[in-house]
């Protein structure tokens, strides 16, 4: 893994007050991804990754780097949360679509190799429907079934 930073170091690197970072982390824990934005070491200390530092920087108010800036986490919390959720939602949606084909193929294989009762019923119904729809296409276009009337043509 790349460089890891303590919260005081993250505050120094981003220009965001240490208390603000801790507040964001506590109040908006769902937007900071473990092992992506921060890691927890064997002693329980939270350490920020480069991605976490970038995320914090992207959410810092424009005047955070000014030494006289007095930023209160409560003032910007709704905007911070909304922007973090939007970014996370977009990343999750893209990752979902990247992984979907592999997951579907894995699940199909699992249904074939170790099916539940419900899986068996679904597969049987699906196979029957596929066979039934396929057999209609196999019939010759000139084929017309003979209707037997009263049994006089059968000898």
C-alpha atoms as a PDB file:
ATOM      1  CA  UNK A   1       0.000   0.000   0.000  1.00  0.00           C
ATOM      2  CA  UNK A   2       1.089   3.573  -0.523  1.00  0.00           C
ATOM      3  CA  UNK A   3       1.854   6.135   2.170  1.00  0.00           C
ATOM      4  CA  UNK A   4      -0.470   6.236   5.184  1.00  0.00           C
ATOM      5  CA  UNK A   5      -1.190   9.390   7.174  1.00  0.00           C
ATOM      6  CA  UNK A   6      -2.502  10.019  10.672  1.00  0.00           C
ATOM      7  CA  UNK A   7      -5.432  12.402  11.050  1.00  0.00           C
ATOM      8  CA  UNK A   8      -3.152  15.238  12.240  1.00  0.00           C
ATOM      9  CA  UNK A   9      -0.960  14.667   9.160  1.00  0.00           C
ATOM     10  CA  UNK A  10      -4.057  14.589   6.945  1.00  0.00           C
ATOM     11  CA  UNK A  11      -5.162  17.886   8.476  1.00  0.00           C
ATOM     12  CA  UNK A  12      -1.785  19.420   7.729  1.00  0.00           C
ATOM     13  CA  UNK A  13      -1.743  18.111   4.144  1.00  0.00           C
ATOM     14  CA  UNK A  14      -5.287  19.203   3.321  1.00  0.00           C
ATOM     15  CA  UNK A  15      -5.561  22.413   5.300  1.00  0.00           C
ATOM     16  CA  UNK A  16      -8.725  21.084   6.968  1.00  0.00           C
ATOM     17  CA  UNK A  17      -8.860  21.276  10.731  1.00  0.00           C
ATOM     18  CA  UNK A  18      -8.232  17.985  12.508  1.00  0.00           C
ATOM     19  CA  UNK A  19     -11.520  18.305  14.417  1.00  0.00           C
ATOM     20  CA  UNK A  20     -13.392  18.831  11.162  1.00  0.00           C
ATOM     21  CA  UNK A  21     -11.886  15.689   9.640  1.00  0.00           C
ATOM     22  CA  UNK A  22     -12.809  13.685  12.746  1.00  0.00           C
ATOM     23  CA  UNK A  23     -16.315  15.158  12.650  1.00  0.00           C
ATOM     24  CA  UNK A  24     -16.781  14.240   8.989  1.00  0.00           C
ATOM     25  CA  UNK A  25     -15.517  10.743   9.648  1.00  0.00           C
ATOM     26  CA  UNK A  26     -17.842  10.275  12.624  1.00  0.00           C
ATOM     27  CA  UNK A  27     -20.943  11.860  11.113  1.00  0.00           C
ATOM     28  CA  UNK A  28     -20.515  10.618   7.540  1.00  0.00           C
ATOM     29  CA  UNK A  29     -18.760   7.292   8.049  1.00  0.00           C
ATOM     30  CA  UNK A  30     -20.678   5.705   5.176  1.00  0.00           C
ATOM     31  CA  UNK A  31     -18.908   7.830   2.562  1.00  0.00           C
ATOM     32  CA  UNK A  32     -15.381   7.008   3.676  1.00  0.00           C
ATOM     33  CA  UNK A  33     -14.558   3.528   2.395  1.00  0.00           C
ATOM     34  CA  UNK A  34     -12.430   1.314   4.587  1.00  0.00           C
ATOM     35  CA  UNK A  35      -9.284   0.105   2.778  1.00  0.00           C
ATOM     36  CA  UNK A  36      -9.859   2.760   0.118  1.00  0.00           C
ATOM     37  CA  UNK A  37      -9.868   6.101   1.939  1.00  0.00           C
ATOM     38  CA  UNK A  38      -8.579   4.935   5.288  1.00  0.00           C
ATOM     39  CA  UNK A  39      -7.307   1.836   7.034  1.00  0.00           C
ATOM     40  CA  UNK A  40      -7.357   0.778  10.651  1.00  0.00           C
ATOM     41  CA  UNK A  41      -4.057  -0.533  11.973  1.00  0.00           C
ATOM     42  CA  UNK A  42      -3.600  -3.329  14.510  1.00  0.00           C
ATOM     43  CA  UNK A  43      -3.916  -0.801  17.352  1.00  0.00           C
ATOM     44  CA  UNK A  44      -7.225   0.570  16.061  1.00  0.00           C
ATOM     45  CA  UNK A  45      -5.702   3.835  14.784  1.00  0.00           C
ATOM     46  CA  UNK A  46      -7.283   5.223  11.644  1.00  0.00           C
ATOM     47  CA  UNK A  47      -4.777   6.065   8.934  1.00  0.00           C
ATOM     48  CA  UNK A  48      -5.579   7.942   5.757  1.00  0.00           C
ATOM     49  CA  UNK A  49      -4.518   6.648   2.327  1.00  0.00           C
ATOM     50  CA  UNK A  50      -3.549   8.816  -0.630  1.00  0.00           C
ATOM     51  CA  UNK A  51      -7.087   8.317  -1.967  1.00  0.00           C
ATOM     52  CA  UNK A  52      -8.457   9.501   1.375  1.00  0.00           C
ATOM     53  CA  UNK A  53      -6.259  12.591   1.303  1.00  0.00           C
ATOM     54  CA  UNK A  54      -7.458  13.319  -2.239  1.00  0.00           C
ATOM     55  CA  UNK A  55     -11.070  12.894  -1.157  1.00  0.00           C
ATOM     56  CA  UNK A  56     -10.597  15.252   1.773  1.00  0.00           C
ATOM     57  CA  UNK A  57      -8.856  17.811  -0.452  1.00  0.00           C
ATOM     58  CA  UNK A  58     -11.678  17.645  -2.974  1.00  0.00           C
ATOM     59  CA  UNK A  59     -14.170  18.468  -0.235  1.00  0.00           C
ATOM     60  CA  UNK A  60     -12.177  21.182   1.474  1.00  0.00           C
ATOM     61  CA  UNK A  61     -13.680  24.648   1.296  1.00  0.00           C
ATOM     62  CA  UNK A  62     -11.757  26.958  -0.987  1.00  0.00           C
ATOM     63  CA  UNK A  63     -10.502  29.013   1.935  1.00  0.00           C
ATOM     64  CA  UNK A  64      -9.358  26.007   4.014  1.00  0.00           C
ATOM     65  CA  UNK A  65      -5.758  26.651   3.118  1.00  0.00           C
ATOM     66  CA  UNK A  66      -5.895  30.148   4.529  1.00  0.00           C
ATOM     67  CA  UNK A  67      -4.489  30.178   8.033  1.00  0.00           C
ATOM     68  CA  UNK A  68      -7.281  32.520   9.169  1.00  0.00           C
ATOM     69  CA  UNK A  69     -10.051  30.343   7.759  1.00  0.00           C
ATOM     70  CA  UNK A  70     -12.623  29.418  10.371  1.00  0.00           C
ATOM     71  CA  UNK A  71     -14.443  26.445   8.883  1.00  0.00           C
ATOM     72  CA  UNK A  72     -17.179  24.750  10.853  1.00  0.00           C
ATOM     73  CA  UNK A  73     -18.033  21.200   9.750  1.00  0.00           C
ATOM     74  CA  UNK A  74     -21.719  21.779  10.435  1.00  0.00           C
ATOM     75  CA  UNK A  75     -21.918  24.606   7.874  1.00  0.00           C
ATOM     76  CA  UNK A  76     -20.795  22.464   4.954  1.00  0.00           C
ATOM     77  CA  UNK A  77     -22.059  19.044   6.090  1.00  0.00           C
ATOM     78  CA  UNK A  78     -25.039  18.747   3.691  1.00  0.00           C
ATOM     79  CA  UNK A  79     -22.924  19.739   0.683  1.00  0.00           C
ATOM     80  CA  UNK A  80     -20.107  17.446   1.758  1.00  0.00           C
ATOM     81  CA  UNK A  81     -22.415  14.499   2.242  1.00  0.00           C
ATOM     82  CA  UNK A  82     -24.248  15.066  -1.029  1.00  0.00           C
ATOM     83  CA  UNK A  83     -21.070  15.379  -3.080  1.00  0.00           C
ATOM     84  CA  UNK A  84     -19.490  12.334  -1.426  1.00  0.00           C
ATOM     85  CA  UNK A  85     -22.639  10.269  -1.923  1.00  0.00           C
ATOM     86  CA  UNK A  86     -22.879  11.307  -5.563  1.00  0.00           C
ATOM     87  CA  UNK A  87     -19.252  10.363  -6.240  1.00  0.00           C
ATOM     88  CA  UNK A  88     -19.640   7.079  -4.379  1.00  0.00           C
ATOM     89  CA  UNK A  89     -22.906   6.270  -6.142  1.00  0.00           C
ATOM     90  CA  UNK A  90     -21.326   6.853  -9.534  1.00  0.00           C
ATOM     91  CA  UNK A  91     -18.329   4.665  -8.664  1.00  0.00           C
ATOM     92  CA  UNK A  92     -20.608   1.923  -7.343  1.00  0.00           C
ATOM     93  CA  UNK A  93     -22.800   2.020 -10.440  1.00  0.00           C
ATOM     94  CA  UNK A  94     -19.815   1.715 -12.749  1.00  0.00           C
ATOM     95  CA  UNK A  95     -18.321  -1.119 -10.704  1.00  0.00           C
ATOM     96  CA  UNK A  96     -21.695  -2.886 -10.663  1.00  0.00           C
ATOM     97  CA  UNK A  97     -21.859  -2.881 -14.463  1.00  0.00           C
ATOM     98  CA  UNK A  98     -18.222  -4.005 -14.740  1.00  0.00           C
ATOM     99  CA  UNK A  99     -18.802  -6.990 -12.483  1.00  0.00           C
ATOM    100  CA  UNK A 100     -22.322  -7.941 -13.595  1.00  0.00           C
ATOM    101  CA  UNK A 101     -21.421 -10.280 -16.485  1.00  0.00           C
ATOM    102  CA  UNK A 102     -18.982 -12.287 -14.391  1.00  0.00           C
ATOM    103  CA  UNK A 103     -21.391 -12.513 -11.483  1.00  0.00           C
ATOM    104  CA  UNK A 104     -24.226 -13.622 -13.742  1.00  0.00           C
ATOM    105  CA  UNK A 105     -22.088 -16.312 -15.352  1.00  0.00           C
ATOM    106  CA  UNK A 106     -20.932 -17.482 -11.920  1.00  0.00           C
ATOM    107  CA  UNK A 107     -24.544 -17.688 -10.702  1.00  0.00           C
ATOM    108  CA  UNK A 108     -25.645 -19.586 -13.827  1.00  0.00           C
ATOM    109  CA  UNK A 109     -22.845 -22.101 -13.288  1.00  0.00           C
ATOM    110  CA  UNK A 110     -23.836 -22.423  -9.644  1.00  0.00           C
ATOM    111  CA  UNK A 111     -27.479 -22.994 -10.646  1.00  0.00           C
ATOM    112  CA  UNK A 112     -26.346 -25.725 -13.047  1.00  0.00           C
ATOM    113  CA  UNK A 113     -23.846 -27.438 -10.767  1.00  0.00           C
ATOM    114  CA  UNK A 114     -25.572 -27.110  -7.390  1.00  0.00           C
ATOM    115  CA  UNK A 115     -29.174 -26.025  -7.942  1.00  0.00           C
ATOM    116  CA  UNK A 116     -31.737 -25.359  -5.262  1.00  0.00           C
ATOM    117  CA  UNK A 117     -35.282 -26.654  -5.791  1.00  0.00           C
ATOM    118  CA  UNK A 118     -36.306 -23.226  -7.058  1.00  0.00           C
ATOM    119  CA  UNK A 119     -33.296 -23.158  -9.415  1.00  0.00           C
ATOM    120  CA  UNK A 120     -34.285 -26.585 -10.841  1.00  0.00           C
ATOM    121  CA  UNK A 121     -37.837 -25.398 -11.553  1.00  0.00           C
ATOM    122  CA  UNK A 122     -36.598 -22.192 -13.206  1.00  0.00           C
ATOM    123  CA  UNK A 123     -34.067 -24.046 -15.366  1.00  0.00           C
ATOM    124  CA  UNK A 124     -36.583 -26.740 -16.374  1.00  0.00           C
ATOM    125  CA  UNK A 125     -39.190 -24.132 -17.317  1.00  0.00           C
ATOM    126  CA  UNK A 126     -36.618 -22.126 -19.243  1.00  0.00           C
ATOM    127  CA  UNK A 127     -35.275 -25.174 -21.119  1.00  0.00           C
ATOM    128  CA  UNK A 128     -38.818 -26.302 -22.030  1.00  0.00           C
ATOM    129  CA  UNK A 129     -39.685 -22.823 -23.292  1.00  0.00           C
ATOM    130  CA  UNK A 130     -36.479 -22.711 -25.347  1.00  0.00           C
ATOM    131  CA  UNK A 131     -37.179 -26.128 -26.862  1.00  0.00           C
ATOM    132  CA  UNK A 132     -40.804 -25.253 -27.575  1.00  0.00           C
ATOM    133  CA  UNK A 133     -39.943 -21.983 -29.263  1.00  0.00           C
ATOM    134  CA  UNK A 134     -37.135 -23.655 -31.188  1.00  0.00           C
ATOM    135  CA  UNK A 135     -39.228 -26.552 -32.484  1.00  0.00           C
ATOM    136  CA  UNK A 136     -41.723 -24.241 -34.150  1.00  0.00           C
ATOM    137  CA  UNK A 137     -38.862 -22.829 -36.218  1.00  0.00           C
ATOM    138  CA  UNK A 138     -37.749 -26.323 -37.239  1.00  0.00           C
ATOM    139  CA  UNK A 139     -41.030 -27.201 -38.926  1.00  0.00           C
ATOM    140  CA  UNK A 140     -41.003 -26.934 -42.688  1.00  0.00           C
ATOM    141  CA  UNK A 141     -43.006 -23.982 -44.015  1.00  0.00           C
ATOM    142  CA  UNK A 142     -45.056 -26.267 -46.267  1.00  0.00           C
ATOM    143  CA  UNK A 143     -45.912 -28.642 -43.475  1.00  0.00           C
ATOM    144  CA  UNK A 144     -49.607 -28.785 -42.780  1.00  0.00           C
ATOM    145  CA  UNK A 145     -50.783 -31.329 -40.284  1.00  0.00           C
ATOM    146  CA  UNK A 146     -53.420 -33.676 -41.640  1.00  0.00           C
ATOM    147  CA  UNK A 147     -56.619 -33.659 -39.731  1.00  0.00           C
ATOM    148  CA  UNK A 148     -58.283 -37.007 -39.398  1.00  0.00           C
ATOM    149  CA  UNK A 149     -62.001 -36.828 -39.860  1.00  0.00           C
ATOM    150  CA  UNK A 150     -64.118 -39.684 -38.654  1.00  0.00           C
ATOM    151  CA  UNK A 151     -61.327 -42.181 -39.124  1.00  0.00           C
ATOM    152  CA  UNK A 152     -62.120 -43.005 -42.829  1.00  0.00           C
ATOM    153  CA  UNK A 153     -58.626 -42.242 -44.092  1.00  0.00           C
ATOM    154  CA  UNK A 154     -56.869 -44.497 -41.632  1.00  0.00           C
ATOM    155  CA  UNK A 155     -56.486 -48.071 -42.783  1.00  0.00           C
END
